[in-house]
Amino acid sequence: MAADNCAERALEVADGATAATVQADRLRVSTLLWHAARGAPHRYGAKAEGREEERRIIIEVRDFVPVTRPDGTVIAREILPDGSFVDED
């Protein structure tokens, strides 16, 4: 809420700027916007204006087969793309 308040105050200062006060008002606006960005970076930060980072999803498909050991226990072994198995231990 404090960040929203700073942003609203910045708009009020900008709306009330005159030729005589423009430099002082510019400093007040930038300071208020800085405080707004620090308080709510997701909304008022530098990356908030439609700059989305590229996101990539990588899906790795692995294939497993059940193998029965000589002692009778069943384990899953990975089948590699070339058709071989991943060595145990």
N, C-alpha and C. Protein backbone atom coordinates (compact mmCIF):
# COMPACT_ATOMS: atom_id res chain seq x y z
N MET A 1 0.82 -1.19 0.00
CA MET A 1 0.00 0.00 0.00
C MET A 1 0.86 1.25 0.00
N ALA A 2 2.01 1.17 0.69
CA ALA A 2 2.89 2.34 0.73
C ALA A 2 3.45 2.63 -0.66
N ALA A 3 3.76 1.58 -1.42
CA ALA A 3 4.28 1.78 -2.77
C ALA A 3 3.21 2.40 -3.67
N ASP A 4 1.98 1.95 -3.53
CA ASP A 4 0.89 2.53 -4.31
C ASP A 4 0.71 4.00 -3.95
N ASN A 5 0.83 4.31 -2.67
CA ASN A 5 0.71 5.69 -2.22
C ASN A 5 1.81 6.56 -2.83
N CYS A 6 3.03 6.04 -2.88
CA CYS A 6 4.13 6.80 -3.49
C CYS A 6 3.87 7.05 -4.96
N ALA A 7 3.36 6.05 -5.66
CA ALA A 7 3.08 6.20 -7.09
C ALA A 7 1.97 7.22 -7.31
N GLU A 8 0.94 7.20 -6.48
CA GLU A 8 -0.14 8.18 -6.60
C GLU A 8 0.36 9.59 -6.32
N ARG A 9 1.21 9.72 -5.30
CA ARG A 9 1.76 11.04 -4.99
C ARG A 9 2.63 11.54 -6.14
N ALA A 10 3.36 10.64 -6.80
CA ALA A 10 4.19 11.04 -7.94
C ALA A 10 3.32 11.59 -9.06
N LEU A 11 2.17 10.95 -9.30
CA LEU A 11 1.25 11.47 -10.32
C LEU A 11 0.71 12.84 -9.95
N GLU A 12 0.39 13.04 -8.68
CA GLU A 12 -0.11 14.34 -8.23
C GLU A 12 0.94 15.42 -8.42
N VAL A 13 2.19 15.09 -8.07
CA VAL A 13 3.26 16.07 -8.23
C VAL A 13 3.46 16.39 -9.71
N ALA A 14 3.44 15.37 -10.55
CA ALA A 14 3.61 15.58 -11.99
C ALA A 14 2.47 16.41 -12.57
N ASP A 15 1.25 16.15 -12.13
CA ASP A 15 0.10 16.92 -12.61
C ASP A 15 0.18 18.38 -12.19
N GLY A 16 0.73 18.65 -11.02
CA GLY A 16 0.80 20.01 -10.51
C GLY A 16 2.05 20.76 -10.92
N ALA A 17 2.90 20.16 -11.74
CA ALA A 17 4.16 20.80 -12.13
C ALA A 17 3.89 22.01 -13.03
N THR A 18 4.67 23.03 -12.81
CA THR A 18 4.61 24.22 -13.66
C THR A 18 6.00 24.46 -14.23
N ALA A 19 6.10 25.43 -15.13
CA ALA A 19 7.40 25.74 -15.73
C ALA A 19 8.41 26.18 -14.68
N ALA A 20 7.92 26.84 -13.63
CA ALA A 20 8.82 27.34 -12.59
C ALA A 20 9.27 26.22 -11.64
N THR A 21 8.46 25.17 -11.49
CA THR A 21 8.78 24.12 -10.52
C THR A 21 9.17 22.79 -11.16
N VAL A 22 9.34 22.78 -12.46
CA VAL A 22 9.52 21.50 -13.15
C VAL A 22 10.77 20.75 -12.69
N GLN A 23 11.87 21.43 -12.43
CA GLN A 23 13.08 20.71 -12.01
C GLN A 23 12.92 20.12 -10.62
N ALA A 24 12.39 20.85 -9.69
CA ALA A 24 12.18 20.34 -8.34
C ALA A 24 11.13 19.22 -8.36
N ASP A 25 10.09 19.41 -9.15
CA ASP A 25 9.05 18.38 -9.24
C ASP A 25 9.58 17.10 -9.88
N ARG A 26 10.46 17.24 -10.86
CA ARG A 26 11.06 16.06 -11.49
C ARG A 26 11.83 15.24 -10.46
N LEU A 27 12.56 15.91 -9.59
CA LEU A 27 13.30 15.22 -8.53
C LEU A 27 12.34 14.54 -7.56
N ARG A 28 11.26 15.22 -7.18
CA ARG A 28 10.28 14.62 -6.27
C ARG A 28 9.62 13.41 -6.90
N VAL A 29 9.26 13.49 -8.18
CA VAL A 29 8.62 12.37 -8.88
C VAL A 29 9.56 11.18 -8.95
N SER A 30 10.81 11.41 -9.33
CA SER A 30 11.75 10.29 -9.45
C SER A 30 12.03 9.66 -8.09
N THR A 31 12.08 10.47 -7.03
CA THR A 31 12.27 9.93 -5.69
C THR A 31 11.07 9.11 -5.25
N LEU A 32 9.89 9.60 -5.51
CA LEU A 32 8.68 8.85 -5.15
C LEU A 32 8.58 7.55 -5.94
N LEU A 33 8.92 7.58 -7.22
CA LEU A 33 8.89 6.35 -8.02
C LEU A 33 9.96 5.36 -7.58
N TRP A 34 11.11 5.86 -7.14
CA TRP A 34 12.15 4.98 -6.62
C TRP A 34 11.65 4.26 -5.38
N HIS A 35 10.98 5.01 -4.49
CA HIS A 35 10.42 4.39 -3.27
C HIS A 35 9.33 3.38 -3.63
N ALA A 36 8.53 3.70 -4.62
CA ALA A 36 7.48 2.77 -5.06
C ALA A 36 8.12 1.49 -5.60
N ALA A 37 9.18 1.62 -6.40
CA ALA A 37 9.85 0.45 -6.97
C ALA A 37 10.51 -0.39 -5.89
N ARG A 38 11.02 0.24 -4.85
CA ARG A 38 11.63 -0.52 -3.75
C ARG A 38 10.57 -1.24 -2.92
N GLY A 39 9.41 -0.64 -2.78
CA GLY A 39 8.34 -1.23 -1.98
C GLY A 39 7.58 -2.33 -2.70
N ALA A 40 7.44 -2.22 -4.01
CA ALA A 40 6.71 -3.23 -4.79
C ALA A 40 7.41 -3.40 -6.14
N PRO A 41 8.56 -4.09 -6.16
CA PRO A 41 9.33 -4.20 -7.41
C PRO A 41 8.59 -4.94 -8.52
N HIS A 42 7.71 -5.86 -8.15
CA HIS A 42 6.95 -6.58 -9.16
C HIS A 42 5.97 -5.68 -9.90
N ARG A 43 5.56 -4.60 -9.26
CA ARG A 43 4.59 -3.70 -9.87
C ARG A 43 5.24 -2.44 -10.44
N TYR A 44 6.21 -1.86 -9.73
CA TYR A 44 6.79 -0.59 -10.13
C TYR A 44 8.28 -0.67 -10.48
N GLY A 45 8.85 -1.85 -10.45
CA GLY A 45 10.27 -2.01 -10.74
C GLY A 45 10.58 -1.85 -12.22
N ALA A 46 11.85 -1.89 -12.55
CA ALA A 46 12.30 -1.67 -13.92
C ALA A 46 11.79 -2.73 -14.88
N LYS A 47 11.58 -3.95 -14.41
CA LYS A 47 11.14 -5.03 -15.29
C LYS A 47 9.62 -5.16 -15.32
N ALA A 48 8.92 -4.28 -14.66
CA ALA A 48 7.47 -4.39 -14.58
C ALA A 48 6.77 -4.02 -15.89
N GLU A 49 7.42 -3.26 -16.74
CA GLU A 49 6.80 -2.79 -17.98
C GLU A 49 6.87 -3.81 -19.10
N GLY A 50 6.27 -4.96 -18.93
CA GLY A 50 6.16 -5.91 -20.01
C GLY A 50 7.43 -6.64 -20.39
N ARG A 51 8.48 -6.45 -19.67
CA ARG A 51 9.72 -7.16 -19.96
C ARG A 51 9.69 -8.50 -19.23
N GLU A 52 9.34 -9.51 -19.95
CA GLU A 52 9.33 -10.83 -19.35
C GLU A 52 10.58 -11.57 -19.78
N GLU A 53 11.18 -12.26 -18.85
CA GLU A 53 12.34 -13.06 -19.19
C GLU A 53 11.89 -14.28 -19.97
N GLU A 54 12.72 -14.68 -20.90
CA GLU A 54 12.39 -15.86 -21.68
C GLU A 54 12.48 -17.07 -20.78
N ARG A 55 11.45 -17.87 -20.81
CA ARG A 55 11.43 -19.08 -20.00
C ARG A 55 11.45 -20.27 -20.94
N ARG A 56 12.25 -21.22 -20.59
CA ARG A 56 12.34 -22.42 -21.40
C ARG A 56 12.09 -23.62 -20.51
N ILE A 57 11.33 -24.55 -21.03
CA ILE A 57 11.07 -25.79 -20.31
C ILE A 57 11.75 -26.91 -21.07
N ILE A 58 12.55 -27.66 -20.36
CA ILE A 58 13.25 -28.78 -20.97
C ILE A 58 12.68 -30.06 -20.36
N ILE A 59 12.20 -30.92 -21.22
CA ILE A 59 11.63 -32.19 -20.78
C ILE A 59 12.55 -33.30 -21.25
N GLU A 60 12.99 -34.09 -20.31
CA GLU A 60 13.86 -35.21 -20.63
C GLU A 60 13.07 -36.49 -20.40
N VAL A 61 12.93 -37.28 -21.44
CA VAL A 61 12.19 -38.53 -21.34
C VAL A 61 13.19 -39.66 -21.15
N ARG A 62 12.95 -40.44 -20.12
CA ARG A 62 13.82 -41.57 -19.83
C ARG A 62 12.98 -42.83 -19.85
N ASP A 63 13.61 -43.92 -20.24
CA ASP A 63 12.89 -45.19 -20.34
C ASP A 63 13.53 -46.19 -19.38
N PHE A 64 12.70 -46.90 -18.64
CA PHE A 64 13.17 -47.88 -17.68
C PHE A 64 12.51 -49.22 -17.95
N VAL A 65 13.21 -50.28 -17.56
CA VAL A 65 12.69 -51.63 -17.72
C VAL A 65 12.94 -52.38 -16.40
N PRO A 66 11.97 -53.20 -15.97
CA PRO A 66 12.21 -53.98 -14.74
C PRO A 66 13.18 -55.13 -15.03
N VAL A 67 14.12 -55.33 -14.12
CA VAL A 67 15.11 -56.40 -14.24
C VAL A 67 15.10 -57.17 -12.92
N THR A 68 15.07 -58.50 -13.02
CA THR A 68 15.11 -59.34 -11.83
C THR A 68 16.54 -59.77 -11.58
N ARG A 69 17.04 -59.50 -10.39
CA ARG A 69 18.39 -59.89 -10.00
C ARG A 69 18.42 -61.38 -9.67
N PRO A 70 19.61 -61.94 -9.61
CA PRO A 70 19.72 -63.36 -9.26
C PRO A 70 19.15 -63.71 -7.88
N ASP A 71 19.15 -62.72 -6.97
CA ASP A 71 18.59 -62.99 -5.64
C ASP A 71 17.07 -62.85 -5.59
N GLY A 72 16.44 -62.53 -6.72
CA GLY A 72 14.99 -62.44 -6.79
C GLY A 72 14.43 -61.05 -6.65
N THR A 73 15.25 -60.06 -6.30
CA THR A 73 14.74 -58.69 -6.18
C THR A 73 14.59 -58.07 -7.57
N VAL A 74 13.62 -57.22 -7.70
CA VAL A 74 13.36 -56.55 -8.98
C VAL A 74 13.82 -55.10 -8.86
N ILE A 75 14.58 -54.68 -9.86
CA ILE A 75 15.04 -53.29 -9.90
C ILE A 75 14.64 -52.69 -11.24
N ALA A 76 14.72 -51.37 -11.33
CA ALA A 76 14.46 -50.68 -12.60
C ALA A 76 15.79 -50.23 -13.16
N ARG A 77 16.04 -50.55 -14.42
CA ARG A 77 17.26 -50.13 -15.10
C ARG A 77 16.89 -49.20 -16.24
N GLU A 78 17.69 -48.17 -16.39
CA GLU A 78 17.43 -47.20 -17.45
C GLU A 78 17.95 -47.71 -18.78
N ILE A 79 17.14 -47.54 -19.80
CA ILE A 79 17.55 -47.88 -21.16
C ILE A 79 18.03 -46.59 -21.82
N LEU A 80 19.27 -46.60 -22.29
CA LEU A 80 19.83 -45.43 -22.95
C LEU A 80 19.33 -45.33 -24.38
N PRO A 81 19.45 -44.16 -25.02
CA PRO A 81 18.95 -43.99 -26.39
C PRO A 81 19.54 -44.99 -27.39
N ASP A 82 20.76 -45.48 -27.13
CA ASP A 82 21.37 -46.43 -28.06
C ASP A 82 20.92 -47.88 -27.80
N GLY A 83 20.03 -48.08 -26.83
CA GLY A 83 19.50 -49.41 -26.52
C GLY A 83 20.25 -50.14 -25.43
N SER A 84 21.37 -49.58 -24.97
CA SER A 84 22.12 -50.23 -23.89
C SER A 84 21.53 -49.83 -22.55
N PHE A 85 21.97 -50.52 -21.50
CA PHE A 85 21.51 -50.24 -20.15
C PHE A 85 22.55 -49.43 -19.40
N VAL A 86 22.08 -48.68 -18.40
CA VAL A 86 22.98 -47.97 -17.49
C VAL A 86 23.57 -49.02 -16.57
N ASP A 87 24.89 -48.99 -16.41
CA ASP A 87 25.55 -49.96 -15.53
C ASP A 87 25.14 -49.73 -14.09
N GLU A 88 25.00 -50.82 -13.37
CA GLU A 88 24.70 -50.75 -11.94
C GLU A 88 25.95 -50.36 -11.19
N ASP A 89 25.77 -49.52 -10.19
CA ASP A 89 26.84 -49.06 -9.30
C ASP A 89 28.05 -48.82 -10.08
